[in-house]
Protein backbone atom coordinates (compact mmCIF):
# COMPACT_ATOMS: atom_id res chain seq x y z
CA MET A 1 1.22 25.56 4.24
CA ARG A 2 1.70 22.22 2.50
CA ARG A 3 -0.87 19.47 3.05
CA ILE A 4 -0.56 15.81 2.12
CA PHE A 5 -3.49 13.55 1.26
CA VAL A 6 -3.25 9.76 0.94
CA ASP A 7 -5.92 7.25 0.00
CA SER A 8 -6.85 4.27 2.16
CA GLY A 9 -4.72 2.07 -0.11
CA SER A 10 -1.84 3.47 1.94
CA SER A 11 -3.22 1.52 4.92
CA ILE A 12 -2.56 4.54 7.12
CA LYS A 13 -5.19 4.34 9.85
CA TYR A 14 -7.21 7.19 11.32
CA ASP A 15 -5.26 7.05 14.58
CA GLU A 16 -2.01 7.44 12.59
CA LEU A 17 -2.96 10.55 10.62
CA GLU A 18 -1.37 12.95 13.09
CA LYS A 19 1.83 10.87 13.24
CA TYR A 20 2.24 11.03 9.46
CA ASN A 21 0.82 14.56 9.12
CA VAL A 22 -1.64 13.50 6.40
CA GLU A 23 -5.34 13.54 5.58
CA LEU A 24 -7.15 10.40 4.44
CA ILE A 25 -9.16 9.79 1.26
CA PRO A 26 -11.36 6.71 1.83
CA LEU A 27 -11.75 4.46 -1.18
CA LYS A 28 -15.09 2.69 -1.68
CA ILE A 29 -15.61 -1.07 -1.45
CA LEU A 30 -18.59 -2.92 -2.84
CA ILE A 31 -19.36 -6.17 -1.00
CA GLY A 32 -22.44 -7.95 -2.27
CA ASP A 33 -25.01 -5.25 -2.92
CA LYS A 34 -23.74 -2.81 -0.29
CA GLU A 35 -21.12 -0.09 -0.62
CA TYR A 36 -18.75 0.81 2.22
CA PHE A 37 -16.15 3.50 2.79
CA ASP A 38 -12.72 2.18 3.69
CA ASP A 39 -12.22 4.66 6.50
CA GLY A 40 -11.82 2.36 9.51
CA LYS A 41 -15.23 3.39 10.81
CA ASP A 42 -17.81 2.51 8.18
CA LEU A 43 -15.95 -0.75 7.54
CA THR A 44 -13.62 -2.11 10.22
CA ILE A 45 -11.00 -4.73 9.41
CA ASP A 46 -12.74 -7.38 11.52
CA ASN A 47 -16.12 -6.68 9.93
CA PHE A 48 -14.54 -6.81 6.49
CA TYR A 49 -13.29 -10.38 6.95
CA LYS A 50 -16.64 -11.42 8.40
CA LEU A 51 -18.40 -10.04 5.33
CA LEU A 52 -15.94 -11.81 3.05
CA GLU A 53 -16.98 -15.12 4.59
CA GLU A 54 -20.68 -14.32 4.26
CA GLU A 55 -20.70 -13.01 0.68
CA LYS A 56 -20.15 -15.22 -2.35
CA THR A 57 -19.31 -12.41 -4.78
CA PHE A 58 -15.79 -11.01 -4.91
CA PRO A 59 -15.59 -7.46 -3.47
CA LYS A 60 -14.76 -4.54 -5.75
CA THR A 61 -12.94 -1.33 -4.94
CA SER A 62 -13.77 1.99 -6.57
CA LEU A 63 -12.93 5.68 -6.55
CA PRO A 64 -13.46 7.96 -3.54
CA GLN A 65 -16.25 10.55 -3.41
CA LEU A 66 -14.79 13.02 -5.87
CA ASP A 67 -17.17 15.90 -5.09
CA ILE A 68 -16.35 15.80 -1.38
CA LEU A 69 -12.62 15.49 -2.04
CA GLU A 70 -12.69 18.37 -4.52
CA LYS A 71 -14.30 20.63 -1.92
CA ARG A 72 -11.82 19.63 0.82
CA VAL A 73 -8.84 20.30 -1.41
CA THR A 74 -10.20 23.48 -2.98
CA ASP A 75 -10.96 24.95 0.45
CA TYR A 76 -7.27 24.57 1.28
CA THR A 77 -5.93 25.97 -1.97
CA ASN A 78 -8.30 28.96 -1.72
CA LEU A 79 -6.48 29.76 1.52
CA GLY A 80 -3.16 29.62 -0.34
CA ASP A 81 -2.13 26.12 0.76
CA GLU A 82 -0.30 23.64 -1.46
CA VAL A 83 -1.81 20.15 -1.64
CA VAL A 84 0.01 16.92 -2.49
CA ILE A 85 -2.19 13.87 -3.14
CA ILE A 86 -0.47 10.47 -3.18
CA THR A 87 -2.43 7.61 -4.74
CA ILE A 88 -1.89 3.89 -5.07
CA SER A 89 -0.20 2.85 -8.30
CA SER A 90 -1.98 3.98 -11.45
CA LYS A 91 -1.31 0.49 -12.87
CA ILE A 92 -3.74 -1.08 -10.38
CA SER A 93 -6.34 1.68 -10.03
CA GLY A 94 -7.90 4.43 -12.12
CA GLU A 95 -7.86 6.80 -9.16
CA ASN A 96 -4.66 8.61 -10.10
CA ASN A 97 -5.88 9.48 -13.60
CA ALA A 98 -9.28 10.55 -12.27
CA LEU A 99 -7.74 12.90 -9.70
CA LYS A 100 -5.31 14.38 -12.21
CA MET A 101 -8.27 15.27 -14.42
CA LEU A 102 -10.22 16.60 -11.44
CA PHE A 103 -7.47 19.01 -10.40
CA GLU A 104 -5.75 19.69 -13.73
CA ASP A 105 -6.65 23.40 -13.60
CA ASN A 106 -5.56 23.91 -9.99
CA LYS A 107 -1.86 24.75 -9.98
CA LYS A 108 -1.65 24.37 -6.22
CA VAL A 109 -2.53 20.65 -6.38
CA LEU A 110 -0.04 17.91 -7.22
CA VAL A 111 -1.35 14.37 -7.77
CA LEU A 112 1.46 11.83 -7.38
CA ASP A 113 1.48 8.25 -8.61
CA SER A 114 3.15 6.24 -5.83
CA LYS A 115 3.71 3.29 -8.24
CA VAL A 116 3.20 1.14 -5.12
CA ALA A 117 0.65 0.79 -2.31
CA VAL A 118 0.35 0.22 1.46
CA GLY A 119 3.64 0.70 3.33
CA GLY A 120 5.32 2.11 0.25
CA ILE A 121 3.06 5.15 0.50
CA ARG A 122 3.86 5.46 4.21
CA LEU A 123 7.54 5.64 3.30
CA ILE A 124 6.93 8.29 0.62
CA VAL A 125 5.09 10.35 3.24
CA ASP A 126 8.00 9.85 5.64
CA TYR A 127 10.38 11.06 2.93
CA LEU A 128 8.30 14.19 2.29
CA ASN A 129 8.02 14.94 6.01
CA ARG A 130 11.81 14.74 6.30
CA ASN A 131 12.30 16.99 3.27
CA LYS A 132 9.75 19.76 3.72
CA ASP A 133 12.04 22.25 2.02
CA ILE A 134 11.65 20.62 -1.41
CA PRO A 135 10.09 23.26 -3.69
CA PHE A 136 6.54 22.38 -4.75
CA ASP A 137 7.51 22.17 -8.42
CA LYS A 138 10.34 19.71 -7.63
CA ILE A 139 8.36 17.28 -5.45
CA GLU A 140 7.32 14.92 -8.24
CA GLN A 141 10.88 14.63 -9.54
CA LYS A 142 12.31 13.95 -6.07
CA VAL A 143 9.62 11.42 -5.16
CA ASN A 144 10.12 9.59 -8.45
CA GLU A 145 13.83 9.35 -7.64
CA PHE A 146 12.97 7.92 -4.19
CA ILE A 147 10.34 5.37 -5.30
CA PRO A 148 12.78 2.81 -6.81
CA ARG A 149 14.30 2.37 -3.35
CA ILE A 150 10.97 1.13 -1.96
CA GLN A 151 10.88 -2.64 -1.58
CA ILE A 152 7.57 -4.46 -1.05
CA MET A 153 7.86 -8.21 -0.53
CA ALA A 154 4.80 -10.18 0.53
CA ILE A 155 3.88 -13.85 0.69
CA PRO A 156 0.16 -14.48 0.13
CA GLU A 157 -1.41 -17.59 1.60
CA THR A 158 -3.57 -17.87 -1.52
CA LEU A 159 -3.34 -16.28 -4.97
CA ARG A 160 -7.09 -16.51 -5.52
CA ASN A 161 -7.79 -12.93 -4.46
CA LEU A 162 -5.01 -11.46 -6.60
CA LEU A 163 -6.28 -13.39 -9.62
CA LYS A 164 -9.95 -12.48 -9.12
CA GLY A 165 -9.09 -8.84 -8.52
CA GLY A 166 -7.12 -8.71 -11.76
CA ARG A 167 -3.83 -7.94 -9.99
CA LEU A 168 -2.18 -11.17 -11.13
CA SER A 169 -2.17 -12.92 -14.51
CA LYS A 170 -3.57 -16.41 -14.95
CA THR A 171 -0.09 -17.65 -15.87
CA GLU A 172 1.34 -16.37 -12.60
CA TRP A 173 -1.60 -17.85 -10.71
CA LEU A 174 -1.02 -21.23 -12.37
CA LEU A 175 2.65 -21.19 -11.43
CA GLY A 176 1.82 -20.45 -7.81
CA SER A 177 -1.26 -22.59 -7.34
CA ILE A 178 -0.97 -25.60 -9.60
CA LEU A 179 2.74 -26.17 -9.00
CA GLN A 180 2.26 -25.72 -5.24
CA ILE A 181 4.94 -23.08 -4.78
CA LYS A 182 5.02 -20.06 -2.49
CA PRO A 183 5.65 -16.93 -4.53
CA THR A 184 6.96 -13.67 -3.19
CA ILE A 185 4.78 -10.85 -4.54
CA GLY A 186 5.76 -7.23 -4.93
CA PHE A 187 5.61 -4.22 -7.22
CA LYS A 188 7.61 -3.82 -10.39
CA ASP A 189 7.04 -0.88 -12.74
CA GLY A 190 3.86 -0.09 -10.81
CA LYS A 191 2.34 -3.54 -11.29
CA VAL A 192 1.87 -6.45 -8.91
CA LYS A 193 4.37 -9.11 -9.96
CA VAL A 194 5.75 -12.44 -8.81
CA LEU A 195 9.30 -11.57 -7.71
CA SER A 196 10.46 -15.08 -6.89
CA LYS A 197 9.16 -18.61 -6.26
CA ASN A 198 9.99 -21.04 -3.49
CA ARG A 199 8.79 -24.50 -2.61
CA GLY A 200 7.38 -24.24 0.87
CA LEU A 201 6.54 -21.44 3.27
CA LYS A 202 9.74 -21.61 5.32
CA LYS A 203 11.97 -21.15 2.28
CA ALA A 204 9.91 -18.20 1.15
CA MET A 205 10.17 -16.64 4.61
CA LYS A 206 13.93 -17.11 4.74
CA GLU A 207 14.32 -15.47 1.35
CA VAL A 208 12.28 -12.40 2.33
CA ALA A 209 14.13 -12.13 5.66
CA SER A 210 17.49 -12.28 3.85
CA MET A 211 16.48 -9.49 1.47
CA LEU A 212 16.95 -6.88 4.20
CA GLN A 213 20.68 -7.56 4.12
CA GLU A 214 20.98 -8.40 0.44
CA LEU A 215 19.35 -5.12 -0.60
CA ASP A 216 21.15 -3.14 2.13
CA CYS A 217 18.05 -2.01 4.02
CA ASP A 218 18.23 1.64 5.10
CA THR A 219 17.36 1.43 8.81
CA SER A 220 16.98 5.20 9.10
CA TYR A 221 13.48 4.47 7.74
CA ASP A 222 11.02 2.13 9.44
CA ILE A 223 10.79 -1.46 8.29
CA ILE A 224 7.05 -2.10 8.02
CA ALA A 225 5.75 -5.55 8.94
CA SER A 226 2.56 -5.92 6.91
CA TYR A 227 -0.04 -8.62 7.24
CA THR A 228 -3.69 -9.35 6.59
CA TYR A 229 -5.89 -10.39 9.49
CA ASN A 230 -3.50 -12.79 11.25
CA LYS A 231 -0.01 -11.68 12.37
CA GLU A 232 1.28 -15.14 13.29
CA ASN A 233 3.14 -15.54 9.98
CA VAL A 234 4.72 -12.10 10.09
CA ASP A 235 5.92 -12.73 13.65
CA GLU A 236 7.67 -15.89 12.45
CA LEU A 237 9.18 -13.92 9.56
CA ILE A 238 10.56 -11.34 12.01
CA SER A 239 12.15 -14.13 14.08
CA MET A 240 14.29 -15.00 11.02
CA VAL A 241 15.62 -11.46 10.56
CA ASP A 242 19.20 -10.56 11.42
CA GLU A 243 19.32 -8.82 14.82
CA LYS A 244 20.69 -5.57 13.38
CA TYR A 245 17.41 -5.00 11.53
CA LYS A 246 14.90 -5.94 14.23
CA SER A 247 15.08 -2.58 16.00
CA ALA A 248 13.93 -0.88 12.77
CA ILE A 249 10.74 -2.98 12.60
CA LYS A 250 8.57 -0.37 14.28
CA VAL A 251 5.31 -0.58 12.35
CA TYR A 252 2.87 -3.50 12.32
CA ASP A 253 0.34 -2.86 9.57
CA ASN A 254 -2.83 -4.94 9.43
CA LEU A 255 -3.74 -3.92 5.89
CA ASP A 256 -6.90 -1.94 5.27
CA PRO A 257 -9.75 -3.64 3.37
CA ALA A 258 -9.05 -1.75 0.11
CA ILE A 259 -5.78 -3.68 -0.24
CA ALA A 260 -6.52 -6.76 1.87
CA VAL A 261 -9.35 -7.66 -0.51
CA HIS A 262 -6.72 -8.33 -3.20
CA TRP A 263 -4.01 -9.93 -1.05
CA GLY A 264 -6.42 -12.22 0.79
CA PRO A 265 -6.27 -13.30 4.45
CA ASN A 266 -3.02 -14.36 6.14
CA ALA A 267 -0.68 -12.67 3.66
CA PHE A 268 2.44 -11.13 5.20
CA GLY A 269 5.74 -9.47 4.39
CA PHE A 270 8.03 -6.47 4.71
CA VAL A 271 8.10 -2.99 3.20
CA PHE A 272 11.40 -1.16 3.49
CA ILE A 273 13.88 1.23 1.87
CA SER A 274 16.96 -0.19 0.19
CA ASN A 275 20.27 1.48 -0.53
CA LYS A 276 20.68 -0.48 -3.75
């Protein structure tokens, strides 16, 4: 049997685990002097934003409980199962490298670098669930061929969180904040990057909405409408989308704290698969 693990940076919720046929690895979040597990139970999304308002220090994310994870995975491989672990991009977290070292001697464990996060990991899982016949030793190659088709385009309300979390350079922050422009943020080569810049929220929304057609969105995969805390902006974004794509917008993803801490409240955007 083949089992797939994802971390909470995938933003796959506990009530979605059966749908995606995965098991969850909760990352840890330090807020003030208290540590929480990003598992949807120890730290709910609503409680997370409340704590953000109360605490003056910027939250930090860290690795999962490696001893517990090692036991869960080893129990499966001792039964003869194959285990695929998909992590958020190694360019924004040390988790991937840590897990590769942890399981380097277990030939039944494959640790994949998603090179993305959130909905991008959902789409990798969808790809693997559709292609269960891929031989274990070919999975990494096939997933790496699929990853460039993943498009993540988000518009943050503020760049402060991305700057403080080290996911954005000071130059990029200056361009977005000082010049009063609305950047579109995404992943490029595994890193969080400014993809484009627009003056004003409406222009930024129209650009992201138009990307579904410009990049020839593959509607056989879900278009994921992602947001942090408030979905008002993402609803307006959806209203600008060409009708032929609206039926593929099947997932609303209020991002888990492990990622929302970096994007900040009221960010929004799309994650989808392109044919280009």
